[in-house]
Amino acid sequence: MKQEPNPLEKESGISRRTFLQGIGAGAAATGLLTVAAPPQTADAKEAYGTSVGPNATQVTLKINGTEHRTAVEPRHTLLDVMRQKLDITGPKPICERGSCGGCTVMLDKQPIYSCMMLAIDAVGKEITTVEGLSKDGELDPVQKAFVQHDAQMCGFCTPGFVVSVRALLDRNPNPTLNDVKKAVSGNTCRCGTYPRIFEAALTAAKLQRGGV
């Protein structure tokens, strides 16, 4: 039986067959252009930087004042490298999507989520974890205050809070309660120990200034 022409095709002048043929011709042209594309010039390589990977490459990470030489793949996060390769386990993998703050470290004195930073992007930076806050066996004022106020329950989120508070006191040695709340707003305590964390932060500021 002869198929009746589609009335829409009559109005537009475009049939399904010609439409598909046009797509095929466009795809073929794109393929030819891709094959014929010139190699990347030296100026382009310099503009976009030298690519790394996909295999592991040797990097040096300066963490808590010590240089660590290790092999990392471009996809490895700073958190993974610290925990799995360097046995620095203070930063905790909780959400691993930059929303809980359990993996907080300082990068050049700024608090960052180590689960959201590639290890190769941390090369040449000063990285400080909770392990690096105590000096010569003496706890940091923030650590002392957290112990004094029992500002932890399960303790899994505590390292991230301690680092965030330490970063706050480095830039503001006399914070208000609102300053503290803002500084730790990127950290989550699922046990709900926030009041004691806030008290610990304010006490740490006093201890740092020589108060009791």
N, C-alpha and C. Protein backbone atom coordinates (compact mmCIF):
# COMPACT_ATOMS: atom_id res chain seq x y z
N MET A 1 0.85 -1.20 0.00
CA MET A 1 0.00 0.00 0.00
C MET A 1 0.88 1.24 0.00
N LYS A 2 0.53 2.21 -0.80
CA LYS A 2 1.33 3.42 -0.91
C LYS A 2 1.10 4.29 0.33
N GLN A 3 2.23 4.77 0.95
CA GLN A 3 2.13 5.57 2.16
C GLN A 3 1.82 7.02 1.80
N GLU A 4 0.81 7.58 2.48
CA GLU A 4 0.44 8.97 2.23
C GLU A 4 1.52 9.90 2.79
N PRO A 5 1.87 10.95 2.07
CA PRO A 5 2.87 11.89 2.58
C PRO A 5 2.38 12.60 3.83
N ASN A 6 3.30 12.90 4.73
CA ASN A 6 2.98 13.61 5.96
C ASN A 6 2.64 15.05 5.64
N PRO A 7 1.47 15.55 6.05
CA PRO A 7 1.09 16.93 5.74
C PRO A 7 2.05 17.96 6.30
N LEU A 8 2.70 17.64 7.44
CA LEU A 8 3.67 18.58 8.02
C LEU A 8 4.89 18.71 7.13
N GLU A 9 5.27 17.59 6.48
CA GLU A 9 6.42 17.63 5.58
C GLU A 9 6.11 18.49 4.37
N LYS A 10 4.83 18.46 3.91
CA LYS A 10 4.45 19.28 2.77
C LYS A 10 4.60 20.75 3.10
N GLU A 11 4.15 21.11 4.31
CA GLU A 11 4.18 22.53 4.69
C GLU A 11 5.60 23.03 4.87
N SER A 12 6.46 22.25 5.51
CA SER A 12 7.81 22.70 5.79
C SER A 12 8.77 22.49 4.65
N GLY A 13 8.45 21.56 3.77
CA GLY A 13 9.38 21.24 2.69
C GLY A 13 10.52 20.35 3.13
N ILE A 14 10.47 19.87 4.39
CA ILE A 14 11.53 19.03 4.93
C ILE A 14 10.94 17.68 5.29
N SER A 15 11.53 16.62 4.76
CA SER A 15 11.07 15.28 5.09
C SER A 15 12.00 14.66 6.11
N ARG A 16 11.51 13.60 6.76
CA ARG A 16 12.35 12.88 7.73
C ARG A 16 13.61 12.38 7.07
N ARG A 17 13.50 11.90 5.82
CA ARG A 17 14.66 11.37 5.12
C ARG A 17 15.72 12.45 4.89
N THR A 18 15.26 13.63 4.39
CA THR A 18 16.25 14.69 4.12
C THR A 18 16.85 15.22 5.41
N PHE A 19 16.04 15.22 6.50
CA PHE A 19 16.55 15.68 7.78
C PHE A 19 17.69 14.78 8.28
N LEU A 20 17.47 13.45 8.20
CA LEU A 20 18.49 12.50 8.64
C LEU A 20 19.71 12.56 7.74
N GLN A 21 19.50 12.77 6.46
CA GLN A 21 20.64 12.88 5.55
C GLN A 21 21.49 14.10 5.91
N GLY A 22 20.80 15.19 6.28
CA GLY A 22 21.53 16.40 6.66
C GLY A 22 22.36 16.20 7.90
N ILE A 23 21.81 15.46 8.87
CA ILE A 23 22.56 15.18 10.10
C ILE A 23 23.81 14.35 9.78
N GLY A 24 23.64 13.33 8.93
CA GLY A 24 24.77 12.48 8.57
C GLY A 24 25.86 13.27 7.88
N ALA A 25 25.48 14.19 6.98
CA ALA A 25 26.47 14.99 6.29
C ALA A 25 27.21 15.91 7.26
N GLY A 26 26.46 16.48 8.23
CA GLY A 26 27.10 17.36 9.21
C GLY A 26 28.07 16.61 10.09
N ALA A 27 27.69 15.40 10.51
CA ALA A 27 28.57 14.59 11.35
C ALA A 27 29.85 14.24 10.60
N ALA A 28 29.70 13.90 9.31
CA ALA A 28 30.88 13.54 8.51
C ALA A 28 31.80 14.73 8.37
N ALA A 29 31.22 15.91 8.16
CA ALA A 29 32.05 17.11 8.01
C ALA A 29 32.79 17.42 9.30
N THR A 30 32.09 17.25 10.43
CA THR A 30 32.74 17.48 11.73
C THR A 30 33.90 16.52 11.94
N GLY A 31 33.71 15.26 11.56
CA GLY A 31 34.78 14.27 11.70
C GLY A 31 35.98 14.65 10.86
N LEU A 32 35.75 15.14 9.65
CA LEU A 32 36.87 15.52 8.79
C LEU A 32 37.61 16.71 9.37
N LEU A 33 36.83 17.67 9.92
CA LEU A 33 37.48 18.82 10.52
C LEU A 33 38.33 18.43 11.72
N THR A 34 37.81 17.48 12.51
CA THR A 34 38.56 17.02 13.68
C THR A 34 39.87 16.36 13.28
N VAL A 35 39.82 15.53 12.27
CA VAL A 35 41.03 14.84 11.82
C VAL A 35 42.03 15.83 11.26
N ALA A 36 41.50 16.84 10.57
CA ALA A 36 42.39 17.76 9.89
C ALA A 36 42.89 18.89 10.77
N ALA A 37 42.46 18.94 12.06
CA ALA A 37 42.86 20.04 12.94
C ALA A 37 44.37 20.05 13.12
N PRO A 38 44.99 21.24 13.10
CA PRO A 38 46.45 21.31 13.22
C PRO A 38 46.90 20.98 14.64
N PRO A 39 48.11 20.50 14.83
CA PRO A 39 48.60 20.20 16.18
C PRO A 39 48.71 21.46 17.01
N GLN A 40 48.64 21.29 18.33
CA GLN A 40 48.70 22.44 19.23
C GLN A 40 50.06 23.11 19.14
N THR A 41 50.06 24.43 19.03
CA THR A 41 51.31 25.17 18.91
C THR A 41 51.97 25.32 20.27
N ALA A 42 53.23 25.74 20.25
CA ALA A 42 53.97 25.93 21.49
C ALA A 42 53.33 27.02 22.34
N ASP A 43 52.83 28.09 21.66
CA ASP A 43 52.19 29.18 22.40
C ASP A 43 50.93 28.69 23.10
N ALA A 44 50.16 27.83 22.44
CA ALA A 44 48.94 27.31 23.04
C ALA A 44 49.26 26.44 24.25
N LYS A 45 50.28 25.61 24.13
CA LYS A 45 50.66 24.76 25.25
C LYS A 45 51.07 25.61 26.44
N GLU A 46 51.79 26.71 26.17
CA GLU A 46 52.22 27.58 27.26
C GLU A 46 51.04 28.28 27.90
N ALA A 47 50.05 28.66 27.07
CA ALA A 47 48.88 29.35 27.59
C ALA A 47 48.04 28.46 28.48
N TYR A 48 47.89 27.18 28.11
CA TYR A 48 47.03 26.28 28.86
C TYR A 48 47.78 25.45 29.89
N GLY A 49 49.10 25.52 29.89
CA GLY A 49 49.89 24.78 30.86
C GLY A 49 50.20 23.36 30.40
N THR A 50 51.15 22.75 31.06
CA THR A 50 51.53 21.38 30.72
C THR A 50 50.57 20.41 31.38
N SER A 51 50.03 19.50 30.61
CA SER A 51 49.09 18.53 31.17
C SER A 51 49.83 17.50 32.01
N VAL A 52 49.13 16.98 33.01
CA VAL A 52 49.70 15.98 33.91
C VAL A 52 48.84 14.74 33.86
N GLY A 53 49.47 13.59 33.77
CA GLY A 53 48.71 12.35 33.80
C GLY A 53 48.54 11.75 32.42
N PRO A 54 47.74 10.69 32.33
CA PRO A 54 46.87 10.15 33.38
C PRO A 54 47.58 9.30 34.42
N ASN A 55 48.85 8.97 34.17
CA ASN A 55 49.57 8.14 35.14
C ASN A 55 50.04 8.97 36.33
N ALA A 56 50.47 8.30 37.37
CA ALA A 56 50.94 8.98 38.58
C ALA A 56 52.20 9.77 38.29
N THR A 57 52.35 10.88 39.00
CA THR A 57 53.53 11.72 38.86
C THR A 57 54.05 12.05 40.25
N GLN A 58 55.34 12.26 40.37
CA GLN A 58 55.95 12.56 41.66
C GLN A 58 55.72 14.03 42.02
N VAL A 59 55.25 14.27 43.23
CA VAL A 59 55.06 15.64 43.72
C VAL A 59 55.61 15.73 45.14
N THR A 60 55.83 16.96 45.59
CA THR A 60 56.26 17.22 46.96
C THR A 60 55.21 18.09 47.63
N LEU A 61 54.68 17.60 48.74
CA LEU A 61 53.69 18.34 49.51
C LEU A 61 54.28 18.72 50.86
N LYS A 62 54.19 19.99 51.20
CA LYS A 62 54.70 20.44 52.49
C LYS A 62 53.56 20.49 53.49
N ILE A 63 53.57 19.53 54.40
CA ILE A 63 52.48 19.39 55.37
C ILE A 63 53.05 19.46 56.78
N ASN A 64 52.52 20.38 57.58
CA ASN A 64 52.97 20.57 58.97
C ASN A 64 54.47 20.77 59.06
N GLY A 65 55.01 21.51 58.08
CA GLY A 65 56.42 21.86 58.10
C GLY A 65 57.35 20.81 57.54
N THR A 66 56.83 19.66 57.13
CA THR A 66 57.65 18.58 56.60
C THR A 66 57.31 18.34 55.14
N GLU A 67 58.34 18.16 54.31
CA GLU A 67 58.11 17.89 52.90
C GLU A 67 57.95 16.40 52.67
N HIS A 68 56.89 16.05 51.98
CA HIS A 68 56.57 14.65 51.69
C HIS A 68 56.61 14.45 50.18
N ARG A 69 57.46 13.54 49.73
CA ARG A 69 57.57 13.21 48.31
C ARG A 69 56.76 11.95 48.04
N THR A 70 55.80 12.04 47.13
CA THR A 70 54.96 10.89 46.86
C THR A 70 54.42 10.95 45.44
N ALA A 71 53.94 9.83 44.95
CA ALA A 71 53.36 9.75 43.60
C ALA A 71 51.86 9.91 43.70
N VAL A 72 51.29 10.81 42.89
CA VAL A 72 49.85 11.01 42.89
C VAL A 72 49.34 11.02 41.45
N GLU A 73 48.12 10.60 41.29
CA GLU A 73 47.45 10.73 40.00
C GLU A 73 46.69 12.06 40.00
N PRO A 74 46.46 12.64 38.82
CA PRO A 74 45.77 13.93 38.76
C PRO A 74 44.40 13.92 39.43
N ARG A 75 43.75 12.74 39.50
CA ARG A 75 42.40 12.66 40.09
C ARG A 75 42.42 12.57 41.60
N HIS A 76 43.58 12.35 42.22
CA HIS A 76 43.65 12.17 43.67
C HIS A 76 43.44 13.48 44.41
N THR A 77 42.57 13.46 45.41
CA THR A 77 42.37 14.65 46.22
C THR A 77 43.45 14.74 47.30
N LEU A 78 43.60 15.93 47.83
CA LEU A 78 44.56 16.14 48.91
C LEU A 78 44.21 15.26 50.10
N LEU A 79 42.93 15.14 50.41
CA LEU A 79 42.49 14.30 51.53
C LEU A 79 42.91 12.86 51.32
N ASP A 80 42.68 12.30 50.14
CA ASP A 80 43.04 10.91 49.87
C ASP A 80 44.54 10.69 50.00
N VAL A 81 45.32 11.60 49.47
CA VAL A 81 46.78 11.44 49.51
C VAL A 81 47.28 11.49 50.95
N MET A 82 46.78 12.43 51.72
CA MET A 82 47.22 12.54 53.12
C MET A 82 46.89 11.28 53.91
N ARG A 83 45.68 10.79 53.77
CA ARG A 83 45.25 9.66 54.57
C ARG A 83 45.81 8.33 54.07
N GLN A 84 45.78 8.11 52.76
CA GLN A 84 46.11 6.80 52.21
C GLN A 84 47.59 6.63 51.88
N LYS A 85 48.29 7.72 51.62
CA LYS A 85 49.70 7.61 51.25
C LYS A 85 50.66 8.13 52.32
N LEU A 86 50.22 9.13 53.08
CA LEU A 86 51.13 9.77 54.03
C LEU A 86 50.78 9.49 55.48
N ASP A 87 49.72 8.74 55.74
CA ASP A 87 49.30 8.36 57.09
C ASP A 87 49.04 9.59 57.96
N ILE A 88 48.50 10.64 57.35
CA ILE A 88 48.06 11.83 58.09
C ILE A 88 46.54 11.74 58.16
N THR A 89 46.04 11.26 59.29
CA THR A 89 44.62 10.86 59.36
C THR A 89 43.74 11.81 60.17
N GLY A 90 44.29 12.98 60.58
CA GLY A 90 43.47 13.94 61.30
C GLY A 90 42.28 14.40 60.49
N PRO A 91 42.48 14.87 59.26
CA PRO A 91 41.34 15.24 58.41
C PRO A 91 40.47 14.02 58.11
N LYS A 92 39.18 14.15 58.30
CA LYS A 92 38.29 13.00 58.21
C LYS A 92 37.45 13.00 56.93
N PRO A 93 37.32 11.82 56.28
CA PRO A 93 36.44 11.70 55.12
C PRO A 93 35.02 11.39 55.58
N ILE A 94 34.17 12.39 55.61
CA ILE A 94 32.79 12.18 56.06
C ILE A 94 31.84 12.26 54.87
N CYS A 95 31.68 13.46 54.33
CA CYS A 95 30.77 13.59 53.18
C CYS A 95 31.51 13.45 51.85
N GLU A 96 32.76 13.89 51.81
CA GLU A 96 33.61 13.88 50.61
C GLU A 96 32.96 14.62 49.44
N ARG A 97 32.22 15.66 49.75
CA ARG A 97 31.65 16.50 48.70
C ARG A 97 31.59 17.97 49.13
N GLY A 98 32.43 18.34 50.08
CA GLY A 98 32.58 19.73 50.46
C GLY A 98 31.39 20.34 51.19
N SER A 99 30.76 19.57 52.07
CA SER A 99 29.60 20.13 52.76
C SER A 99 29.64 19.96 54.28
N CYS A 100 30.58 19.18 54.83
CA CYS A 100 30.53 18.93 56.28
C CYS A 100 31.72 19.53 57.04
N GLY A 101 32.86 19.74 56.37
CA GLY A 101 34.00 20.35 57.03
C GLY A 101 34.88 19.41 57.83
N GLY A 102 34.58 18.11 57.82
CA GLY A 102 35.39 17.18 58.60
C GLY A 102 36.81 17.04 58.11
N CYS A 103 37.06 17.43 56.86
CA CYS A 103 38.40 17.29 56.28
C CYS A 103 39.14 18.61 56.22
N THR A 104 38.67 19.62 56.98
CA THR A 104 39.25 20.96 56.89
C THR A 104 40.73 20.97 57.28
N VAL A 105 41.53 21.60 56.44
CA VAL A 105 42.93 21.88 56.72
C VAL A 105 43.18 23.34 56.36
N MET A 106 44.36 23.84 56.73
CA MET A 106 44.72 25.19 56.31
C MET A 106 45.69 25.11 55.14
N LEU A 107 45.41 25.90 54.13
CA LEU A 107 46.29 26.01 52.98
C LEU A 107 46.76 27.46 52.93
N ASP A 108 48.06 27.64 53.22
CA ASP A 108 48.59 29.00 53.37
C ASP A 108 47.73 29.81 54.33
N LYS A 109 47.37 29.16 55.45
CA LYS A 109 46.64 29.76 56.57
C LYS A 109 45.16 29.99 56.29
N GLN A 110 44.67 29.55 55.14
CA GLN A 110 43.25 29.69 54.84
C GLN A 110 42.57 28.32 54.96
N PRO A 111 41.44 28.22 55.69
CA PRO A 111 40.77 26.93 55.83
C PRO A 111 40.14 26.49 54.51
N ILE A 112 40.38 25.24 54.14
CA ILE A 112 39.80 24.69 52.90
C ILE A 112 39.34 23.26 53.16
N TYR A 113 38.44 22.78 52.31
CA TYR A 113 38.04 21.38 52.35
C TYR A 113 39.07 20.58 51.55
N SER A 114 39.79 19.69 52.20
CA SER A 114 40.81 18.92 51.48
C SER A 114 40.21 17.87 50.58
N CYS A 115 38.92 17.54 50.77
CA CYS A 115 38.27 16.58 49.87
C CYS A 115 37.92 17.22 48.53
N MET A 116 37.98 18.55 48.46
CA MET A 116 37.60 19.25 47.25
C MET A 116 38.80 19.83 46.50
N MET A 117 40.00 19.56 47.01
CA MET A 117 41.20 20.07 46.34
C MET A 117 42.03 18.92 45.81
N LEU A 118 42.46 19.02 44.56
CA LEU A 118 43.35 18.02 44.01
C LEU A 118 44.72 18.17 44.65
N ALA A 119 45.36 17.05 44.90
CA ALA A 119 46.67 17.08 45.55
C ALA A 119 47.69 17.88 44.74
N ILE A 120 47.62 17.77 43.41
CA ILE A 120 48.61 18.49 42.58
C ILE A 120 48.41 20.00 42.67
N ASP A 121 47.21 20.45 43.04
CA ASP A 121 46.98 21.89 43.19
C ASP A 121 47.52 22.42 44.51
N ALA A 122 47.90 21.53 45.42
CA ALA A 122 48.43 21.95 46.71
C ALA A 122 49.96 22.00 46.71
N VAL A 123 50.57 21.63 45.61
CA VAL A 123 52.04 21.67 45.51
C VAL A 123 52.50 23.12 45.64
N GLY A 124 53.53 23.33 46.48
CA GLY A 124 54.06 24.67 46.68
C GLY A 124 53.33 25.47 47.74
N LYS A 125 52.30 24.87 48.35
CA LYS A 125 51.54 25.54 49.40
C LYS A 125 51.94 25.01 50.78
N GLU A 126 51.67 25.81 51.79
CA GLU A 126 51.91 25.39 53.18
C GLU A 126 50.62 24.78 53.72
N ILE A 127 50.65 23.48 53.99
CA ILE A 127 49.45 22.77 54.43
C ILE A 127 49.57 22.48 55.93
N THR A 128 48.53 22.81 56.68
CA THR A 128 48.52 22.55 58.12
C THR A 128 47.27 21.74 58.48
N THR A 129 47.48 20.61 59.12
CA THR A 129 46.38 19.78 59.60
C THR A 129 46.31 19.89 61.11
N VAL A 130 45.33 19.23 61.71
CA VAL A 130 45.18 19.29 63.16
C VAL A 130 46.42 18.74 63.86
N GLU A 131 47.11 17.80 63.21
CA GLU A 131 48.33 17.24 63.81
C GLU A 131 49.45 18.27 63.95
N GLY A 132 49.40 19.30 63.11
CA GLY A 132 50.49 20.28 63.11
C GLY A 132 50.26 21.46 64.03
N LEU A 133 49.18 21.46 64.79
CA LEU A 133 48.90 22.61 65.65
C LEU A 133 49.68 22.58 66.96
N SER A 134 49.88 21.41 67.52
CA SER A 134 50.65 21.31 68.78
C SER A 134 52.14 21.46 68.47
N LYS A 135 52.87 22.09 69.40
CA LYS A 135 54.30 22.35 69.24
C LYS A 135 55.07 21.77 70.43
N ASP A 136 56.06 20.95 70.11
CA ASP A 136 56.93 20.37 71.15
C ASP A 136 56.13 19.69 72.26
N GLY A 137 55.09 18.98 71.87
CA GLY A 137 54.28 18.25 72.84
C GLY A 137 53.27 19.10 73.58
N GLU A 138 53.22 20.41 73.28
CA GLU A 138 52.29 21.31 73.94
C GLU A 138 51.07 21.55 73.04
N LEU A 139 49.88 21.31 73.60
CA LEU A 139 48.68 21.50 72.81
C LEU A 139 48.47 22.96 72.45
N ASP A 140 47.89 23.19 71.30
CA ASP A 140 47.50 24.53 70.88
C ASP A 140 46.38 25.02 71.80
N PRO A 141 46.28 26.34 72.04
CA PRO A 141 45.19 26.87 72.87
C PRO A 141 43.80 26.39 72.44
N VAL A 142 43.60 26.24 71.14
CA VAL A 142 42.30 25.76 70.67
C VAL A 142 42.08 24.32 71.12
N GLN A 143 43.10 23.49 71.00
CA GLN A 143 42.98 22.10 71.45
C GLN A 143 42.74 22.03 72.95
N LYS A 144 43.45 22.86 73.71
CA LYS A 144 43.26 22.89 75.16
C LYS A 144 41.82 23.27 75.51
N ALA A 145 41.31 24.28 74.83
CA ALA A 145 39.96 24.75 75.12
C ALA A 145 38.91 23.71 74.76
N PHE A 146 39.12 22.97 73.68
CA PHE A 146 38.18 21.92 73.31
C PHE A 146 38.15 20.82 74.37
N VAL A 147 39.34 20.51 74.93
CA VAL A 147 39.39 19.52 76.00
C VAL A 147 38.70 20.07 77.26
N GLN A 148 39.00 21.32 77.59
CA GLN A 148 38.45 21.94 78.79
C GLN A 148 36.93 21.98 78.77
N HIS A 149 36.34 22.26 77.62
CA HIS A 149 34.88 22.38 77.52
C HIS A 149 34.23 21.09 77.04
N ASP A 150 35.03 20.04 76.88
CA ASP A 150 34.51 18.76 76.39
C ASP A 150 33.68 18.99 75.12
N ALA A 151 34.30 19.73 74.18
CA ALA A 151 33.59 20.17 72.98
C ALA A 151 33.62 19.13 71.87
N GLN A 152 33.35 17.91 72.25
CA GLN A 152 33.25 16.83 71.26
C GLN A 152 32.42 15.71 71.86
N MET A 153 31.77 14.95 70.98
CA MET A 153 31.06 13.77 71.46
C MET A 153 31.66 12.54 70.76
N CYS A 154 31.23 12.26 69.53
CA CYS A 154 31.87 11.13 68.82
C CYS A 154 33.28 11.50 68.41
N GLY A 155 33.54 12.81 68.21
CA GLY A 155 34.90 13.27 67.92
C GLY A 155 35.29 13.24 66.46
N PHE A 156 34.43 12.71 65.60
CA PHE A 156 34.83 12.54 64.20
C PHE A 156 34.94 13.88 63.49
N CYS A 157 34.08 14.83 63.84
CA CYS A 157 34.12 16.14 63.20
C CYS A 157 35.08 17.09 63.88
N THR A 158 35.58 16.73 65.06
CA THR A 158 36.35 17.65 65.89
C THR A 158 37.59 18.22 65.21
N PRO A 159 38.42 17.43 64.50
CA PRO A 159 39.60 18.01 63.86
C PRO A 159 39.27 19.16 62.92
N GLY A 160 38.17 19.02 62.17
CA GLY A 160 37.79 20.09 61.25
C GLY A 160 37.40 21.35 61.99
N PHE A 161 36.66 21.21 63.10
CA PHE A 161 36.28 22.37 63.90
C PHE A 161 37.52 23.04 64.50
N VAL A 162 38.42 22.25 65.01
CA VAL A 162 39.63 22.79 65.64
C VAL A 162 40.43 23.61 64.63
N VAL A 163 40.60 23.09 63.43
CA VAL A 163 41.36 23.80 62.40
C VAL A 163 40.63 25.08 61.99
N SER A 164 39.32 25.03 61.86
CA SER A 164 38.55 26.22 61.48
C SER A 164 38.67 27.31 62.54
N VAL A 165 38.61 26.91 63.81
CA VAL A 165 38.75 27.89 64.90
C VAL A 165 40.17 28.44 64.93
N ARG A 166 41.15 27.57 64.71
CA ARG A 166 42.54 28.04 64.68
C ARG A 166 42.75 29.08 63.58
N ALA A 167 42.17 28.84 62.41
CA ALA A 167 42.28 29.78 61.30
C ALA A 167 41.60 31.11 61.65
N LEU A 168 40.48 31.03 62.38
CA LEU A 168 39.79 32.25 62.81
C LEU A 168 40.68 33.07 63.73
N LEU A 169 41.26 32.43 64.74
CA LEU A 169 42.07 33.16 65.72
C LEU A 169 43.35 33.71 65.11
N ASP A 170 43.83 33.08 64.05
CA ASP A 170 45.02 33.61 63.38
C ASP A 170 44.74 34.96 62.71
N ARG A 171 43.50 35.13 62.22
CA ARG A 171 43.17 36.39 61.54
C ARG A 171 42.40 37.35 62.45
N ASN A 172 41.83 36.83 63.54
CA ASN A 172 41.06 37.67 64.45
C ASN A 172 41.23 37.13 65.87
N PRO A 173 42.21 37.64 66.63
CA PRO A 173 42.50 37.10 67.96
C PRO A 173 41.45 37.45 69.02
N ASN A 174 40.50 38.31 68.70
CA ASN A 174 39.49 38.69 69.68
C ASN A 174 38.09 38.60 69.05
N PRO A 175 37.66 37.39 68.72
CA PRO A 175 36.39 37.22 68.01
C PRO A 175 35.19 37.33 68.93
N THR A 176 34.07 37.71 68.36
CA THR A 176 32.79 37.68 69.06
C THR A 176 32.15 36.31 68.83
N LEU A 177 31.04 36.09 69.51
CA LEU A 177 30.32 34.83 69.32
C LEU A 177 29.85 34.70 67.87
N ASN A 178 29.39 35.80 67.29
CA ASN A 178 28.95 35.76 65.90
C ASN A 178 30.12 35.46 64.96
N ASP A 179 31.30 35.98 65.28
CA ASP A 179 32.49 35.69 64.48
C ASP A 179 32.78 34.19 64.49
N VAL A 180 32.66 33.59 65.67
CA VAL A 180 32.91 32.15 65.81
C VAL A 180 31.89 31.36 65.00
N LYS A 181 30.62 31.73 65.14
CA LYS A 181 29.57 31.01 64.41
C LYS A 181 29.80 31.09 62.90
N LYS A 182 30.20 32.24 62.43
CA LYS A 182 30.46 32.40 61.00
C LYS A 182 31.67 31.58 60.57
N ALA A 183 32.71 31.54 61.40
CA ALA A 183 33.94 30.82 61.06
C ALA A 183 33.73 29.32 60.94
N VAL A 184 32.81 28.79 61.75
CA VAL A 184 32.58 27.33 61.72
C VAL A 184 31.28 26.98 61.00
N SER A 185 30.72 27.92 60.27
CA SER A 185 29.46 27.66 59.57
C SER A 185 29.61 26.60 58.48
N GLY A 186 30.83 26.36 58.04
CA GLY A 186 31.05 25.31 57.04
C GLY A 186 31.36 23.95 57.64
N ASN A 187 31.27 23.86 58.96
CA ASN A 187 31.51 22.59 59.66
C ASN A 187 30.20 22.07 60.25
N THR A 188 30.03 20.77 60.20
CA THR A 188 28.80 20.15 60.71
C THR A 188 29.13 19.17 61.84
N CYS A 189 28.41 19.31 62.96
CA CYS A 189 28.50 18.36 64.06
C CYS A 189 27.17 17.63 64.14
N ARG A 190 27.16 16.38 63.76
CA ARG A 190 25.91 15.62 63.76
C ARG A 190 25.45 15.28 65.17
N CYS A 191 26.37 15.36 66.14
CA CYS A 191 25.99 15.13 67.53
C CYS A 191 25.38 16.38 68.16
N GLY A 192 25.55 17.55 67.51
CA GLY A 192 24.94 18.78 68.00
C GLY A 192 25.66 19.44 69.16
N THR A 193 26.99 19.37 69.19
CA THR A 193 27.75 19.94 70.32
C THR A 193 28.11 21.39 70.09
N TYR A 194 27.34 22.11 69.33
CA TYR A 194 27.68 23.48 68.95
C TYR A 194 27.89 24.44 70.13
N PRO A 195 27.03 24.45 71.16
CA PRO A 195 27.26 25.39 72.27
C PRO A 195 28.63 25.23 72.91
N ARG A 196 29.07 24.00 73.10
CA ARG A 196 30.39 23.79 73.71
C ARG A 196 31.52 24.16 72.75
N ILE A 197 31.29 23.96 71.47
CA ILE A 197 32.29 24.36 70.48
C ILE A 197 32.45 25.88 70.50
N PHE A 198 31.34 26.61 70.57
CA PHE A 198 31.40 28.07 70.61
C PHE A 198 32.12 28.53 71.89
N GLU A 199 31.80 27.90 73.02
CA GLU A 199 32.46 28.25 74.28
C GLU A 199 33.96 27.98 74.19
N ALA A 200 34.32 26.86 73.59
CA ALA A 200 35.74 26.50 73.47
C ALA A 200 36.48 27.52 72.61
N ALA A 201 35.86 27.97 71.55
CA ALA A 201 36.51 28.94 70.67
C ALA A 201 36.77 30.26 71.39
N LEU A 202 35.78 30.73 72.16
CA LEU A 202 35.96 31.98 72.90
C LEU A 202 36.99 31.83 74.01
N THR A 203 37.00 30.66 74.66
CA THR A 203 38.02 30.40 75.69
C THR A 203 39.41 30.34 75.07
N ALA A 204 39.53 29.73 73.89
CA ALA A 204 40.82 29.64 73.21
C ALA A 204 41.38 31.03 72.92
N ALA A 205 40.49 31.95 72.55
CA ALA A 205 40.92 33.32 72.30
C ALA A 205 41.50 33.95 73.56
N LYS A 206 40.86 33.69 74.71
CA LYS A 206 41.38 34.21 75.98
C LYS A 206 42.72 33.56 76.33
N LEU A 207 42.82 32.26 76.16
CA LEU A 207 44.07 31.57 76.45
C LEU A 207 45.20 32.11 75.57
N GLN A 208 44.88 32.39 74.34
CA GLN A 208 45.89 32.88 73.41
C GLN A 208 46.39 34.27 73.82
N ARG A 209 45.49 35.06 74.41
CA ARG A 209 45.85 36.41 74.86
C ARG A 209 46.49 36.39 76.26
N GLY A 210 46.65 35.18 76.82
CA GLY A 210 47.26 35.09 78.13
C GLY A 210 46.28 35.06 79.27
N GLY A 211 45.00 34.98 78.97
CA GLY A 211 43.97 34.94 80.00
C GLY A 211 43.76 33.53 80.51
N VAL A 212 42.84 33.39 81.45
CA VAL A 212 42.56 32.08 82.05
C VAL A 212 41.18 31.61 81.59
